[in-house]
C-alpha atoms as a PDB file:
ATOM      1  CA  MET A   1       0.102  -0.291   0.132  1.00  0.00           C
ATOM      2  CA  ARG A   2       1.271   3.385  -1.188  1.00  0.00           C
ATOM      3  CA  ASN A   3       1.871   6.115   1.502  1.00  0.00           C
ATOM      4  CA  GLU A   4      -0.448   8.231   0.199  1.00  0.00           C
ATOM      5  CA  ALA A   5      -3.451   5.835   0.882  1.00  0.00           C
ATOM      6  CA  LYS A   6      -2.077   4.839   4.160  1.00  0.00           C
ATOM      7  CA  LYS A   7      -2.553   8.860   4.733  1.00  0.00           C
ATOM      8  CA  LYS A   8      -6.038   8.542   3.485  1.00  0.00           C
ATOM      9  CA  ILE A   9      -7.065   5.373   5.763  1.00  0.00           C
ATOM     10  CA  LYS A  10      -5.478   7.007   8.614  1.00  0.00           C
ATOM     11  CA  LYS A  11      -7.780   9.838   8.431  1.00  0.00           C
ATOM     12  CA  PHE A  12     -10.599   7.446   9.978  1.00  0.00           C
ATOM     13  CA  HIS A  13     -10.145   6.375  13.847  1.00  0.00           C
ATOM     14  CA  PHE A  14     -12.413   3.743  13.330  1.00  0.00           C
ATOM     15  CA  LYS A  15     -11.948   1.091  10.618  1.00  0.00           C
ATOM     16  CA  TYR A  16     -13.802  -2.005   9.648  1.00  0.00           C
ATOM     17  CA  GLU A  17     -12.348  -4.808   7.539  1.00  0.00           C
ATOM     18  CA  ILE A  18     -14.449  -6.930   5.252  1.00  0.00           C
ATOM     19  CA  SER A  19     -14.310  -9.736   2.681  1.00  0.00           C
ATOM     20  CA  THR A  20     -16.253  -9.541  -0.396  1.00  0.00           C
ATOM     21  CA  ARG A  21     -18.744 -12.895  -1.342  1.00  0.00           C
ATOM     22  CA  PHE A  22     -19.611 -14.674  -4.169  1.00  0.00           C
ATOM     23  CA  ARG A  23     -22.904 -13.713  -3.638  1.00  0.00           C
ATOM     24  CA  ASP A  24     -22.037 -10.185  -3.830  1.00  0.00           C
ATOM     25  CA  LEU A  25     -21.671 -10.449  -7.545  1.00  0.00           C
ATOM     26  CA  ASP A  26     -24.049  -8.899 -10.569  1.00  0.00           C
ATOM     27  CA  ALA A  27     -24.504 -10.423 -13.715  1.00  0.00           C
ATOM     28  CA  PHE A  28     -21.368  -8.266 -15.197  1.00  0.00           C
ATOM     29  CA  LYS A  29     -19.387 -10.188 -12.465  1.00  0.00           C
ATOM     30  CA  HIS A  30     -18.750  -7.263 -10.462  1.00  0.00           C
ATOM     31  CA  ILE A  31     -19.728  -6.150  -6.748  1.00  0.00           C
ATOM     32  CA  ASN A  32     -23.319  -5.143  -6.998  1.00  0.00           C
ATOM     33  CA  ASN A  33     -23.715  -1.421  -6.491  1.00  0.00           C
ATOM     34  CA  ALA A  34     -26.689  -2.161  -3.791  1.00  0.00           C
ATOM     35  CA  THR A  35     -24.002  -4.467  -1.646  1.00  0.00           C
ATOM     36  CA  PHE A  36     -21.642  -1.630  -1.294  1.00  0.00           C
ATOM     37  CA  LEU A  37     -24.733  -0.281   1.087  1.00  0.00           C
ATOM     38  CA  THR A  38     -24.504  -3.501   3.132  1.00  0.00           C
ATOM     39  CA  TYR A  39     -20.446  -3.070   3.377  1.00  0.00           C
ATOM     40  CA  PHE A  40     -21.466   0.289   5.207  1.00  0.00           C
ATOM     41  CA  GLU A  41     -24.247  -0.910   6.981  1.00  0.00           C
ATOM     42  CA  ASP A  42     -22.112  -3.913   8.769  1.00  0.00           C
ATOM     43  CA  ALA A  43     -19.408  -1.119   9.613  1.00  0.00           C
ATOM     44  CA  ARG A  44     -22.113   1.218  10.593  1.00  0.00           C
ATOM     45  CA  ARG A  45     -23.661  -1.499  13.462  1.00  0.00           C
ATOM     46  CA  VAL A  46     -20.115  -1.868  14.862  1.00  0.00           C
ATOM     47  CA  PHE A  47     -19.537   1.866  15.012  1.00  0.00           C
ATOM     48  CA  PHE A  48     -22.846   2.135  16.511  1.00  0.00           C
ATOM     49  CA  SER A  49     -22.322  -0.740  19.504  1.00  0.00           C
ATOM     50  CA  ARG A  50     -19.524   1.750  21.490  1.00  0.00           C
ATOM     51  CA  TRP A  51     -22.554   4.218  22.268  1.00  0.00           C
ATOM     52  CA  ASP A  52     -25.039   1.816  24.206  1.00  0.00           C
ATOM     53  CA  ILE A  53     -27.979   2.073  21.796  1.00  0.00           C
ATOM     54  CA  ASN A  54     -30.596  -0.029  23.310  1.00  0.00           C
ATOM     55  CA  MET A  55     -33.379   0.028  20.483  1.00  0.00           C
ATOM     56  CA  HIS A  56     -36.001   1.494  22.803  1.00  0.00           C
ATOM     57  CA  ASP A  57     -35.262   4.543  24.605  1.00  0.00           C
ATOM     58  CA  ARG A  58     -31.827   5.036  23.308  1.00  0.00           C
ATOM     59  CA  SER A  59     -31.947   4.478  19.739  1.00  0.00           C
ATOM     60  CA  LEU A  60     -30.622   5.756  15.973  1.00  0.00           C
ATOM     61  CA  ILE A  61     -32.492   5.770  12.966  1.00  0.00           C
ATOM     62  CA  VAL A  62     -30.926   6.052   9.541  1.00  0.00           C
ATOM     63  CA  ALA A  63     -32.420   9.254   7.852  1.00  0.00           C
ATOM     64  CA  SER A  64     -30.389   9.539   4.602  1.00  0.00           C
ATOM     65  CA  ILE A  65     -27.809   7.919   2.589  1.00  0.00           C
ATOM     66  CA  LYS A  66     -25.649   9.768  -0.260  1.00  0.00           C
ATOM     67  CA  ILE A  67     -23.335   7.304  -1.928  1.00  0.00           C
ATOM     68  CA  ASP A  68     -20.875   7.841  -4.743  1.00  0.00           C
ATOM     69  CA  TYR A  69     -19.636   4.912  -6.656  1.00  0.00           C
ATOM     70  CA  LEU A  70     -15.856   5.493  -7.802  1.00  0.00           C
ATOM     71  CA  LYS A  71     -14.449   2.293  -8.950  1.00  0.00           C
ATOM     72  CA  GLN A  72     -15.664  -0.930 -10.006  1.00  0.00           C
ATOM     73  CA  LEU A  73     -14.973  -3.886  -7.717  1.00  0.00           C
ATOM     74  CA  THR A  74     -14.766  -7.714  -8.224  1.00  0.00           C
ATOM     75  CA  HIS A  75     -14.514 -10.777  -6.354  1.00  0.00           C
ATOM     76  CA  PRO A  76     -12.796 -11.847  -4.155  1.00  0.00           C
ATOM     77  CA  SER A  77     -11.316  -8.644  -2.728  1.00  0.00           C
ATOM     78  CA  GLU A  78     -10.369  -7.764   0.898  1.00  0.00           C
ATOM     79  CA  LEU A  79     -11.718  -3.987   1.933  1.00  0.00           C
ATOM     80  CA  ILE A  80     -11.644  -1.695   4.749  1.00  0.00           C
ATOM     81  CA  VAL A  81     -14.567   0.754   5.857  1.00  0.00           C
ATOM     82  CA  GLY A  82     -13.274   4.161   7.266  1.00  0.00           C
ATOM     83  CA  GLN A  83     -15.775   5.813   9.302  1.00  0.00           C
ATOM     84  CA  LYS A  84     -16.103   9.331  11.247  1.00  0.00           C
ATOM     85  CA  ILE A  85     -18.327  11.630  12.097  1.00  0.00           C
ATOM     86  CA  SER A  86     -18.497  14.274   9.781  1.00  0.00           C
ATOM     87  CA  ARG A  87     -21.408  16.918  11.053  1.00  0.00           C
ATOM     88  CA  ILE A  88     -23.049  17.076  14.608  1.00  0.00           C
ATOM     89  CA  GLY A  89     -26.292  18.843  14.637  1.00  0.00           C
ATOM     90  CA  ASP A  90     -28.861  19.341  17.735  1.00  0.00           C
ATOM     91  CA  ARG A  91     -30.603  16.024  16.793  1.00  0.00           C
ATOM     92  CA  SER A  92     -28.979  14.310  14.194  1.00  0.00           C
ATOM     93  CA  PHE A  93     -25.237  13.712  12.730  1.00  0.00           C
ATOM     94  CA  ASP A  94     -23.453  12.403   9.895  1.00  0.00           C
ATOM     95  CA  ILE A  95     -21.127   9.868   9.515  1.00  0.00           C
ATOM     96  CA  LEU A  96     -18.623   9.659   6.526  1.00  0.00           C
ATOM     97  CA  SER A  97     -17.961   6.425   5.432  1.00  0.00           C
ATOM     98  CA  VAL A  98     -15.083   5.268   2.656  1.00  0.00           C
ATOM     99  CA  LEU A  99     -14.572   1.709   1.106  1.00  0.00           C
ATOM    100  CA  PHE A 100     -11.015   0.980   0.457  1.00  0.00           C
ATOM    101  CA  HIS A 101      -9.752  -1.746  -1.496  1.00  0.00           C
ATOM    102  CA  GLY A 102      -6.014  -1.605  -1.270  1.00  0.00           C
ATOM    103  CA  ASP A 103      -4.855   2.026  -1.605  1.00  0.00           C
ATOM    104  CA  ILE A 104      -8.127   2.974  -3.786  1.00  0.00           C
ATOM    105  CA  GLN A 105     -11.072   4.308  -2.726  1.00  0.00           C
ATOM    106  CA  VAL A 106     -13.728   2.768  -4.211  1.00  0.00           C
ATOM    107  CA  CYS A 107     -16.875   4.341  -2.913  1.00  0.00           C
ATOM    108  CA  SER A 108     -17.984   6.861  -0.213  1.00  0.00           C
ATOM    109  CA  ALA A 109     -21.062   7.569   1.523  1.00  0.00           C
ATOM    110  CA  ILE A 110     -22.760  10.410   4.051  1.00  0.00           C
ATOM    111  CA  THR A 111     -25.401   8.677   6.386  1.00  0.00           C
ATOM    112  CA  THR A 112     -27.673  11.095   8.054  1.00  0.00           C
ATOM    113  CA  ILE A 113     -28.472   9.688  11.664  1.00  0.00           C
ATOM    114  CA  VAL A 114     -31.094  10.737  13.921  1.00  0.00           C
ATOM    115  CA  CYS A 115     -31.275  10.248  17.636  1.00  0.00           C
ATOM    116  CA  TYR A 116     -34.320   8.607  18.276  1.00  0.00           C
ATOM    117  CA  ASN A 117     -36.933   7.082  21.255  1.00  0.00           C
ATOM    118  CA  PHE A 118     -39.245   4.651  19.886  1.00  0.00           C
ATOM    119  CA  LEU A 119     -41.095   4.110  23.174  1.00  0.00           C
ATOM    120  CA  GLU A 120     -41.995   8.190  23.209  1.00  0.00           C
ATOM    121  CA  LYS A 121     -41.817   8.331  19.221  1.00  0.00           C
ATOM    122  CA  LYS A 122     -39.523  11.617  19.193  1.00  0.00           C
ATOM    123  CA  SER A 123     -35.952  12.607  18.317  1.00  0.00           C
ATOM    124  CA  LEU A 124     -33.636  13.412  21.318  1.00  0.00           C
ATOM    125  CA  PRO A 125     -30.557  15.354  21.139  1.00  0.00           C
ATOM    126  CA  VAL A 126     -27.504  14.118  20.542  1.00  0.00           C
ATOM    127  CA  TYR A 127     -26.078  11.743  22.813  1.00  0.00           C
ATOM    128  CA  LYS A 128     -22.872  12.825  24.498  1.00  0.00           C
ATOM    129  CA  GLU A 129     -20.756   9.968  23.563  1.00  0.00           C
ATOM    130  CA  ILE A 130     -21.445  10.583  20.019  1.00  0.00           C
ATOM    131  CA  LYS A 131     -20.139  14.264  20.712  1.00  0.00           C
ATOM    132  CA  GLN A 132     -16.942  13.015  22.299  1.00  0.00           C
ATOM    133  CA  ASP A 133     -16.548  10.691  19.097  1.00  0.00           C
ATOM    134  CA  TYR A 134     -16.893  13.843  16.664  1.00  0.00           C
ATOM    135  CA  ASN A 135     -13.726  15.036  18.028  1.00  0.00           C
ATOM    136  CA  LEU A 136     -11.734  12.086  17.122  1.00  0.00           C
END
């Protein structure tokens, strides 16, 4: 891996490793675009585990995802998802996720997340642990 790519990956405090699967292929023998969202979702689930989310009164909802496809990807491939909080609002925040294959950025996404209480059916102020991670 080139030093330039290491610097890009090093920008992300949170990293998640994943391998492509045969079932991820489309008819053109490339990784299907929809699968990239699954990779980001897997990484996000691990990211969320650090914040004591309980899916009742202290939960998170995905409000929006914007994804940019930069390169095609083939199978088999070893990947790294770099993640960081890129914006904090009053009741929502954004996660920047970048999918790396070696030194190449394959895909990137901005996911807007809302802090939510399912019992009361209302949004909540951004949790303090998330604000702390924003500074990393």
